[in-house]
């Protein structure tokens, strides 16, 4: 015999039992079902879930920490850049100071060398002047005569005479009858020609001893300064 499924289409209706809340039982061991869950609305059912999700969203604050970390990293980068700039400036200033010291040292050395050269030149000039004076003194010591003026013969051959004129009597001086080129004589005084006046001048080297110096145009003997 074949049984019909009571849940198939037919006239028989499906009987779903109702859950009845046990209102009389107060025991903790009651097996009755809590019907309040079936009476709650959707908002009440999902209120705890939304609250938990909100709490989770509210508790998550990593972005602020990230911002703080980013700010700190940025500040450290700026500090390192400033330190690098300071170090670069210090190195540049040190190199400039070294260059200044080097140039200043060279300049001071040049000044010292210049002063040394000036001193050496002054010493050489003084030595030359001293030697010149000594040479002149030695030359003057060899000059003949008693006067203070010294004359050197540049065009010799003049005869010694007893008077300042070409007609005067001839004489000698220190064994010589005439003057020669390069000889020096100490002259007591210079006088004009006795007969021709200032056309000729004569040098007196001793009493009654003269030799002619020449004319203005023809110098036979010149004075040594």
C-alpha atoms as a PDB file:
ATOM      1  CA  UNK A   1       0.000   0.000   0.000  1.00  0.00           C
ATOM      2  CA  UNK A   2       1.350   3.353  -0.964  1.00  0.00           C
ATOM      3  CA  UNK A   3       1.351   6.191   1.517  1.00  0.00           C
ATOM      4  CA  UNK A   4       0.786   9.672   0.384  1.00  0.00           C
ATOM      5  CA  UNK A   5       3.043  12.387   1.563  1.00  0.00           C
ATOM      6  CA  UNK A   6       0.953  14.702   3.609  1.00  0.00           C
ATOM      7  CA  UNK A   7       3.117  17.681   2.447  1.00  0.00           C
ATOM      8  CA  UNK A   8       2.387  17.139  -1.183  1.00  0.00           C
ATOM      9  CA  UNK A   9      -0.364  18.980  -2.881  1.00  0.00           C
ATOM     10  CA  UNK A  10      -3.661  18.028  -1.534  1.00  0.00           C
ATOM     11  CA  UNK A  11      -6.391  19.195   0.541  1.00  0.00           C
ATOM     12  CA  UNK A  12      -4.595  18.607   3.750  1.00  0.00           C
ATOM     13  CA  UNK A  13      -2.922  21.730   5.188  1.00  0.00           C
ATOM     14  CA  UNK A  14       0.470  21.784   6.911  1.00  0.00           C
ATOM     15  CA  UNK A  15       0.071  22.207  10.570  1.00  0.00           C
ATOM     16  CA  UNK A  16       2.944  24.267  12.024  1.00  0.00           C
ATOM     17  CA  UNK A  17       2.875  24.263  15.775  1.00  0.00           C
ATOM     18  CA  UNK A  18       3.123  27.563  17.570  1.00  0.00           C
ATOM     19  CA  UNK A  19       5.844  28.140  20.091  1.00  0.00           C
ATOM     20  CA  UNK A  20       4.173  28.965  23.250  1.00  0.00           C
ATOM     21  CA  UNK A  21       6.071  30.829  25.871  1.00  0.00           C
ATOM     22  CA  UNK A  22       5.928  29.223  29.210  1.00  0.00           C
ATOM     23  CA  UNK A  23       4.630  32.000  31.341  1.00  0.00           C
ATOM     24  CA  UNK A  24       4.078  29.976  34.407  1.00  0.00           C
ATOM     25  CA  UNK A  25       7.467  28.461  34.774  1.00  0.00           C
ATOM     26  CA  UNK A  26       9.994  30.355  36.860  1.00  0.00           C
ATOM     27  CA  UNK A  27      12.558  27.618  37.155  1.00  0.00           C
ATOM     28  CA  UNK A  28      15.999  28.128  35.698  1.00  0.00           C
ATOM     29  CA  UNK A  29      15.725  24.616  34.296  1.00  0.00           C
ATOM     30  CA  UNK A  30      12.741  25.491  32.171  1.00  0.00           C
ATOM     31  CA  UNK A  31      12.874  24.062  28.707  1.00  0.00           C
ATOM     32  CA  UNK A  32      10.539  26.625  27.249  1.00  0.00           C
ATOM     33  CA  UNK A  33      11.789  28.771  24.359  1.00  0.00           C
ATOM     34  CA  UNK A  34      12.376  32.511  24.759  1.00  0.00           C
ATOM     35  CA  UNK A  35       9.891  33.990  22.362  1.00  0.00           C
ATOM     36  CA  UNK A  36      11.146  37.554  22.773  1.00  0.00           C
ATOM     37  CA  UNK A  37      13.630  37.058  20.019  1.00  0.00           C
ATOM     38  CA  UNK A  38      10.825  36.529  17.573  1.00  0.00           C
ATOM     39  CA  UNK A  39       9.172  39.706  18.705  1.00  0.00           C
ATOM     40  CA  UNK A  40      12.212  41.976  18.172  1.00  0.00           C
ATOM     41  CA  UNK A  41      12.392  44.298  15.210  1.00  0.00           C
ATOM     42  CA  UNK A  42      15.231  44.385  12.693  1.00  0.00           C
ATOM     43  CA  UNK A  43      16.666  47.525  14.287  1.00  0.00           C
ATOM     44  CA  UNK A  44      16.708  45.837  17.672  1.00  0.00           C
ATOM     45  CA  UNK A  45      18.214  42.670  16.241  1.00  0.00           C
ATOM     46  CA  UNK A  46      21.129  44.428  14.500  1.00  0.00           C
ATOM     47  CA  UNK A  47      21.634  47.169  17.033  1.00  0.00           C
ATOM     48  CA  UNK A  48      24.397  45.302  18.847  1.00  0.00           C
ATOM     49  CA  UNK A  49      26.150  44.485  15.609  1.00  0.00           C
ATOM     50  CA  UNK A  50      26.137  48.095  14.462  1.00  0.00           C
ATOM     51  CA  UNK A  51      27.277  49.206  17.894  1.00  0.00           C
ATOM     52  CA  UNK A  52      30.151  46.756  17.792  1.00  0.00           C
ATOM     53  CA  UNK A  53      31.072  47.838  14.267  1.00  0.00           C
ATOM     54  CA  UNK A  54      30.917  51.479  15.332  1.00  0.00           C
ATOM     55  CA  UNK A  55      32.996  50.733  18.390  1.00  0.00           C
ATOM     56  CA  UNK A  56      35.537  48.985  16.238  1.00  0.00           C
ATOM     57  CA  UNK A  57      35.579  51.893  13.780  1.00  0.00           C
ATOM     58  CA  UNK A  58      35.808  54.359  16.624  1.00  0.00           C
ATOM     59  CA  UNK A  59      38.647  52.513  18.361  1.00  0.00           C
ATOM     60  CA  UNK A  60      40.757  52.311  15.218  1.00  0.00           C
ATOM     61  CA  UNK A  61      42.977  55.375  15.196  1.00  0.00           C
ATOM     62  CA  UNK A  62      46.119  54.337  13.322  1.00  0.00           C
ATOM     63  CA  UNK A  63      45.861  57.266  10.957  1.00  0.00           C
ATOM     64  CA  UNK A  64      46.664  59.755  13.682  1.00  0.00           C
ATOM     65  CA  UNK A  65      49.713  57.751  14.638  1.00  0.00           C
ATOM     66  CA  UNK A  66      50.755  57.630  11.030  1.00  0.00           C
ATOM     67  CA  UNK A  67      50.383  61.372  10.779  1.00  0.00           C
ATOM     68  CA  UNK A  68      52.479  61.797  13.905  1.00  0.00           C
ATOM     69  CA  UNK A  69      55.119  59.452  12.544  1.00  0.00           C
ATOM     70  CA  UNK A  70      55.130  61.273   9.198  1.00  0.00           C
ATOM     71  CA  UNK A  71      55.532  64.623  10.929  1.00  0.00           C
ATOM     72  CA  UNK A  72      58.407  63.285  12.989  1.00  0.00           C
ATOM     73  CA  UNK A  73      60.136  61.861   9.915  1.00  0.00           C
ATOM     74  CA  UNK A  74      59.670  65.158   8.090  1.00  0.00           C
ATOM     75  CA  UNK A  75      61.074  67.074  11.061  1.00  0.00           C
ATOM     76  CA  UNK A  76      64.077  64.734  11.223  1.00  0.00           C
ATOM     77  CA  UNK A  77      64.689  65.183   7.488  1.00  0.00           C
ATOM     78  CA  UNK A  78      64.591  68.961   7.880  1.00  0.00           C
ATOM     79  CA  UNK A  79      66.963  68.769  10.856  1.00  0.00           C
ATOM     80  CA  UNK A  80      69.395  66.596   8.878  1.00  0.00           C
ATOM     81  CA  UNK A  81      69.230  68.989   5.936  1.00  0.00           C
ATOM     82  CA  UNK A  82      69.927  71.945   8.212  1.00  0.00           C
ATOM     83  CA  UNK A  83      72.804  70.090   9.842  1.00  0.00           C
ATOM     84  CA  UNK A  84      74.197  69.247   6.413  1.00  0.00           C
ATOM     85  CA  UNK A  85      73.927  72.887   5.361  1.00  0.00           C
ATOM     86  CA  UNK A  86      75.677  73.986   8.560  1.00  0.00           C
ATOM     87  CA  UNK A  87      78.456  71.452   8.052  1.00  0.00           C
ATOM     88  CA  UNK A  88      78.853  72.561   4.427  1.00  0.00           C
ATOM     89  CA  UNK A  89      78.999  76.201   5.504  1.00  0.00           C
ATOM     90  CA  UNK A  90      81.607  75.381   8.151  1.00  0.00           C
ATOM     91  CA  UNK A  91      83.733  73.457   5.644  1.00  0.00           C
ATOM     92  CA  UNK A  92      83.466  76.300   3.107  1.00  0.00           C
ATOM     93  CA  UNK A  93      84.377  78.885   5.733  1.00  0.00           C
ATOM     94  CA  UNK A  94      87.352  76.769   6.832  1.00  0.00           C
ATOM     95  CA  UNK A  95      88.602  76.453   3.250  1.00  0.00           C
ATOM     96  CA  UNK A  96      88.194  80.204   2.718  1.00  0.00           C
ATOM     97  CA  UNK A  97      90.128  80.832   5.937  1.00  0.00           C
ATOM     98  CA  UNK A  98      92.909  78.546   4.725  1.00  0.00           C
ATOM     99  CA  UNK A  99      93.063  80.394   1.408  1.00  0.00           C
ATOM    100  CA  UNK A 100      93.165  83.732   3.224  1.00  0.00           C
ATOM    101  CA  UNK A 101      95.961  82.523   5.492  1.00  0.00           C
ATOM    102  CA  UNK A 102      97.873  81.230   2.475  1.00  0.00           C
ATOM    103  CA  UNK A 103      97.488  84.473   0.504  1.00  0.00           C
ATOM    104  CA  UNK A 104      98.250  86.608   3.554  1.00  0.00           C
ATOM    105  CA  UNK A 105     101.364  84.553   4.289  1.00  0.00           C
ATOM    106  CA  UNK A 106     102.548  84.971   0.698  1.00  0.00           C
ATOM    107  CA  UNK A 107     101.850  88.710   0.870  1.00  0.00           C
ATOM    108  CA  UNK A 108     103.754  89.051   4.126  1.00  0.00           C
ATOM    109  CA  UNK A 109     106.642  87.104   2.605  1.00  0.00           C
ATOM    110  CA  UNK A 110     106.676  89.438  -0.415  1.00  0.00           C
ATOM    111  CA  UNK A 111     106.699  92.452   1.884  1.00  0.00           C
ATOM    112  CA  UNK A 112     109.530  90.939   3.921  1.00  0.00           C
ATOM    113  CA  UNK A 113     111.498  90.215   0.736  1.00  0.00           C
ATOM    114  CA  UNK A 114     110.857  93.757  -0.498  1.00  0.00           C
ATOM    115  CA  UNK A 115     112.110  95.254   2.740  1.00  0.00           C
ATOM    116  CA  UNK A 116     115.112  92.948   2.627  1.00  0.00           C
ATOM    117  CA  UNK A 117     115.870  93.974  -0.959  1.00  0.00           C
ATOM    118  CA  UNK A 118     115.527  97.654  -0.088  1.00  0.00           C
ATOM    119  CA  UNK A 119     117.887  97.204   2.828  1.00  0.00           C
ATOM    120  CA  UNK A 120     120.401  95.367   0.647  1.00  0.00           C
ATOM    121  CA  UNK A 121     120.203  98.088  -2.020  1.00  0.00           C
ATOM    122  CA  UNK A 122     120.674 100.795   0.605  1.00  0.00           C
ATOM    123  CA  UNK A 123     123.669  98.925   2.009  1.00  0.00           C
ATOM    124  CA  UNK A 124     125.128  98.555  -1.499  1.00  0.00           C
ATOM    125  CA  UNK A 125     124.595 102.248  -2.218  1.00  0.00           C
ATOM    126  CA  UNK A 126     126.282 103.146   1.055  1.00  0.00           C
ATOM    127  CA  UNK A 127     129.159 100.779   0.249  1.00  0.00           C
ATOM    128  CA  UNK A 128     129.548 102.253  -3.243  1.00  0.00           C
ATOM    129  CA  UNK A 129     129.498 105.770  -1.869  1.00  0.00           C
ATOM    130  CA  UNK A 130     132.052 104.861   0.771  1.00  0.00           C
ATOM    131  CA  UNK A 131     134.297 103.201  -1.793  1.00  0.00           C
ATOM    132  CA  UNK A 132     133.969 106.196  -4.089  1.00  0.00           C
ATOM    133  CA  UNK A 133     134.973 108.508  -1.296  1.00  0.00           C
ATOM    134  CA  UNK A 134     137.914 106.295  -0.455  1.00  0.00           C
ATOM    135  CA  UNK A 135     138.984 106.231  -4.096  1.00  0.00           C
ATOM    136  CA  UNK A 136     138.716 109.982  -4.345  1.00  0.00           C
ATOM    137  CA  UNK A 137     140.655 110.351  -1.113  1.00  0.00           C
ATOM    138  CA  UNK A 138     143.380 108.069  -2.420  1.00  0.00           C
ATOM    139  CA  UNK A 139     143.451 109.960  -5.689  1.00  0.00           C
ATOM    140  CA  UNK A 140     143.555 113.256  -3.901  1.00  0.00           C
ATOM    141  CA  UNK A 141     146.376 112.056  -1.726  1.00  0.00           C
ATOM    142  CA  UNK A 142     148.403 111.659  -4.892  1.00  0.00           C
ATOM    143  CA  UNK A 143     147.592 115.164  -6.046  1.00  0.00           C
ATOM    144  CA  UNK A 144     150.465 117.581  -6.064  1.00  0.00           C
ATOM    145  CA  UNK A 145     150.360 121.018  -4.496  1.00  0.00           C
ATOM    146  CA  UNK A 146     149.249 122.702  -1.331  1.00  0.00           C
ATOM    147  CA  UNK A 147     145.777 123.979  -2.205  1.00  0.00           C
ATOM    148  CA  UNK A 148     142.302 122.630  -1.429  1.00  0.00           C
ATOM    149  CA  UNK A 149     141.013 122.646  -5.028  1.00  0.00           C
ATOM    150  CA  UNK A 150     141.919 119.654  -7.142  1.00  0.00           C
ATOM    151  CA  UNK A 151     142.282 119.810 -10.926  1.00  0.00           C
ATOM    152  CA  UNK A 152     142.885 116.921 -13.274  1.00  0.00           C
ATOM    153  CA  UNK A 153     144.729 117.379 -16.550  1.00  0.00           C
ATOM    154  CA  UNK A 154     142.591 116.404 -19.582  1.00  0.00           C
ATOM    155  CA  UNK A 155     144.701 117.931 -22.354  1.00  0.00           C
ATOM    156  CA  UNK A 156     148.273 118.070 -21.128  1.00  0.00           C
ATOM    157  CA  UNK A 157     151.503 119.645 -22.262  1.00  0.00           C
ATOM    158  CA  UNK A 158     151.278 123.017 -20.446  1.00  0.00           C
ATOM    159  CA  UNK A 159     154.631 124.322 -19.109  1.00  0.00           C
ATOM    160  CA  UNK A 160     155.106 125.559 -15.564  1.00  0.00           C
ATOM    161  CA  UNK A 161     155.773 129.279 -15.416  1.00  0.00           C
ATOM    162  CA  UNK A 162     156.648 131.731 -12.665  1.00  0.00           C
ATOM    163  CA  UNK A 163     153.755 134.061 -13.546  1.00  0.00           C
ATOM    164  CA  UNK A 164     150.278 133.574 -15.056  1.00  0.00           C
ATOM    165  CA  UNK A 165     151.169 134.535 -18.591  1.00  0.00           C
ATOM    166  CA  UNK A 166     152.636 132.807 -21.599  1.00  0.00           C
ATOM    167  CA  UNK A 167     155.582 135.226 -21.661  1.00  0.00           C
ATOM    168  CA  UNK A 168     156.652 134.437 -18.061  1.00  0.00           C
ATOM    169  CA  UNK A 169     159.816 132.572 -17.220  1.00  0.00           C
ATOM    170  CA  UNK A 170     159.646 128.773 -17.275  1.00  0.00           C
ATOM    171  CA  UNK A 171     160.087 126.778 -14.086  1.00  0.00           C
ATOM    172  CA  UNK A 172     159.760 123.280 -12.688  1.00  0.00           C
ATOM    173  CA  UNK A 173     157.532 121.714 -10.053  1.00  0.00           C
ATOM    174  CA  UNK A 174     158.491 118.518  -8.189  1.00  0.00           C
ATOM    175  CA  UNK A 175     161.113 117.852 -10.882  1.00  0.00           C
ATOM    176  CA  UNK A 176     158.628 118.188 -13.784  1.00  0.00           C
ATOM    177  CA  UNK A 177     158.668 120.977 -16.349  1.00  0.00           C
ATOM    178  CA  UNK A 178     155.086 120.461 -17.578  1.00  0.00           C
ATOM    179  CA  UNK A 179     151.782 118.745 -16.700  1.00  0.00           C
ATOM    180  CA  UNK A 180     150.605 115.492 -18.333  1.00  0.00           C
ATOM    181  CA  UNK A 181     147.175 113.929 -18.962  1.00  0.00           C
ATOM    182  CA  UNK A 182     145.594 112.301 -15.892  1.00  0.00           C
ATOM    183  CA  UNK A 183     147.764 114.108 -13.372  1.00  0.00           C
ATOM    184  CA  UNK A 184     146.072 115.868 -10.460  1.00  0.00           C
ATOM    185  CA  UNK A 185     147.209 119.033  -8.750  1.00  0.00           C
ATOM    186  CA  UNK A 186     146.095 120.792  -5.614  1.00  0.00           C
ATOM    187  CA  UNK A 187     145.419 124.358  -6.673  1.00  0.00           C
ATOM    188  CA  UNK A 188     145.770 127.246  -4.271  1.00  0.00           C
ATOM    189  CA  UNK A 189     143.882 129.674  -6.450  1.00  0.00           C
ATOM    190  CA  UNK A 190     142.689 130.280 -10.034  1.00  0.00           C
ATOM    191  CA  UNK A 191     143.651 133.639 -11.643  1.00  0.00           C
ATOM    192  CA  UNK A 192     143.137 135.309 -15.017  1.00  0.00           C
ATOM    193  CA  UNK A 193     145.911 135.761 -17.513  1.00  0.00           C
ATOM    194  CA  UNK A 194     148.139 138.660 -16.606  1.00  0.00           C
ATOM    195  CA  UNK A 195     148.143 140.084 -20.149  1.00  0.00           C
ATOM    196  CA  UNK A 196     144.961 138.717 -21.789  1.00  0.00           C
ATOM    197  CA  UNK A 197     142.637 138.910 -18.824  1.00  0.00           C
ATOM    198  CA  UNK A 198     139.808 136.352 -18.571  1.00  0.00           C
ATOM    199  CA  UNK A 199     140.540 134.893 -21.973  1.00  0.00           C
ATOM    200  CA  UNK A 200     142.859 132.421 -20.191  1.00  0.00           C
ATOM    201  CA  UNK A 201     142.891 131.190 -16.601  1.00  0.00           C
ATOM    202  CA  UNK A 202     145.843 129.895 -14.651  1.00  0.00           C
ATOM    203  CA  UNK A 203     146.175 127.568 -11.662  1.00  0.00           C
ATOM    204  CA  UNK A 204     148.620 128.456  -8.881  1.00  0.00           C
ATOM    205  CA  UNK A 205     150.058 125.331  -7.231  1.00  0.00           C
ATOM    206  CA  UNK A 206     152.870 127.021  -5.299  1.00  0.00           C
ATOM    207  CA  UNK A 207     154.637 130.329  -5.034  1.00  0.00           C
ATOM    208  CA  UNK A 208     155.753 131.395  -8.557  1.00  0.00           C
ATOM    209  CA  UNK A 209     154.449 128.106 -10.035  1.00  0.00           C
ATOM    210  CA  UNK A 210     151.528 128.282 -12.491  1.00  0.00           C
ATOM    211  CA  UNK A 211     150.088 126.261 -15.340  1.00  0.00           C
ATOM    212  CA  UNK A 212     147.388 127.309 -17.761  1.00  0.00           C
ATOM    213  CA  UNK A 213     143.840 125.843 -17.463  1.00  0.00           C
ATOM    214  CA  UNK A 214     142.827 126.901 -20.967  1.00  0.00           C
ATOM    215  CA  UNK A 215     139.865 128.953 -22.154  1.00  0.00           C
ATOM    216  CA  UNK A 216     136.117 128.639 -21.817  1.00  0.00           C
ATOM    217  CA  UNK A 217     135.961 126.841 -25.145  1.00  0.00           C
ATOM    218  CA  UNK A 218     139.144 124.793 -24.753  1.00  0.00           C
ATOM    219  CA  UNK A 219     139.447 123.190 -21.319  1.00  0.00           C
ATOM    220  CA  UNK A 220     142.899 121.789 -20.626  1.00  0.00           C
ATOM    221  CA  UNK A 221     142.329 120.976 -16.983  1.00  0.00           C
ATOM    222  CA  UNK A 222     139.015 120.611 -15.112  1.00  0.00           C
ATOM    223  CA  UNK A 223     138.093 120.753 -11.495  1.00  0.00           C
ATOM    224  CA  UNK A 224     137.335 117.546  -9.624  1.00  0.00           C
ATOM    225  CA  UNK A 225     134.154 117.875  -7.519  1.00  0.00           C
END
